[in-house]
């Protein structure tokens, strides 16, 4: 069975949209690197932001809680 690798990297940054997009792209790059090394990346901050709004305090808090549960 392949090992799971939890990807923890910045997401929101300084709330600047460009920083946010850069951080998303870097997280994707980390996931791709882990995959190329033969592991399975787990990146909750990429997944949860697809359906939770990181700018909404309640949804951000929920995403952080869920990420900790996955960890």
Protein backbone atom coordinates (compact mmCIF):
# COMPACT_ATOMS: atom_id res chain seq x y z
CA UNK A 1 0.00 0.00 0.00
CA UNK A 2 1.28 3.47 -0.87
CA UNK A 3 1.93 5.89 1.96
CA UNK A 4 -0.17 9.01 2.40
CA UNK A 5 1.66 12.34 2.63
CA UNK A 6 -0.17 15.24 4.31
CA UNK A 7 0.58 18.48 2.45
CA UNK A 8 0.69 21.50 4.76
CA UNK A 9 1.47 24.77 3.02
CA UNK A 10 0.29 28.41 3.15
CA UNK A 11 -3.03 29.22 1.56
CA UNK A 12 -4.52 32.60 2.28
CA UNK A 13 -1.31 34.52 2.85
CA UNK A 14 -1.84 38.25 3.24
CA UNK A 15 -5.37 38.02 1.79
CA UNK A 16 -3.94 39.30 -1.49
CA UNK A 17 -5.59 37.47 -4.38
CA UNK A 18 -2.26 37.04 -6.19
CA UNK A 19 -0.67 35.48 -3.08
CA UNK A 20 -3.68 33.21 -2.69
CA UNK A 21 -3.45 31.99 -6.30
CA UNK A 22 0.31 31.51 -5.96
CA UNK A 23 -0.18 29.47 -2.78
CA UNK A 24 -2.78 27.28 -4.50
CA UNK A 25 -0.42 26.66 -7.41
CA UNK A 26 2.44 25.81 -5.04
CA UNK A 27 0.25 23.35 -3.12
CA UNK A 28 -0.65 21.69 -6.43
CA UNK A 29 3.04 21.51 -7.30
CA UNK A 30 3.83 19.88 -3.94
CA UNK A 31 1.06 17.33 -4.56
CA UNK A 32 2.41 16.56 -8.01
CA UNK A 33 5.93 16.08 -6.63
CA UNK A 34 4.67 13.72 -3.93
CA UNK A 35 2.72 11.78 -6.58
CA UNK A 36 5.79 11.49 -8.81
CA UNK A 37 7.69 10.06 -5.84
CA UNK A 38 5.09 7.30 -5.58
CA UNK A 39 3.06 8.55 -2.64
CA UNK A 40 -0.52 9.76 -2.26
CA UNK A 41 -0.80 13.47 -1.40
CA UNK A 42 -3.48 14.61 1.03
CA UNK A 43 -4.04 18.38 0.76
CA UNK A 44 -7.23 19.34 2.62
CA UNK A 45 -6.65 23.05 2.00
CA UNK A 46 -6.95 22.40 -1.72
CA UNK A 47 -9.97 20.15 -1.40
CA UNK A 48 -11.98 22.05 1.22
CA UNK A 49 -11.60 25.40 -0.53
CA UNK A 50 -13.45 23.92 -3.50
CA UNK A 51 -16.71 23.98 -1.52
CA UNK A 52 -16.00 26.11 1.58
CA UNK A 53 -15.41 29.86 1.34
CA UNK A 54 -12.07 30.68 2.98
CA UNK A 55 -13.16 34.32 3.36
CA UNK A 56 -16.20 33.32 5.44
CA UNK A 57 -15.09 33.01 9.09
CA UNK A 58 -17.43 30.10 9.90
CA UNK A 59 -16.53 28.17 6.77
CA UNK A 60 -12.80 28.86 7.23
CA UNK A 61 -13.01 27.62 10.81
CA UNK A 62 -14.84 24.49 9.65
CA UNK A 63 -12.20 23.88 6.97
CA UNK A 64 -9.41 24.19 9.53
CA UNK A 65 -11.22 21.78 11.88
CA UNK A 66 -11.76 19.28 9.08
CA UNK A 67 -8.11 19.54 8.06
CA UNK A 68 -7.03 18.76 11.62
CA UNK A 69 -9.39 15.77 11.69
CA UNK A 70 -7.80 14.44 8.51
CA UNK A 71 -4.35 14.92 10.01
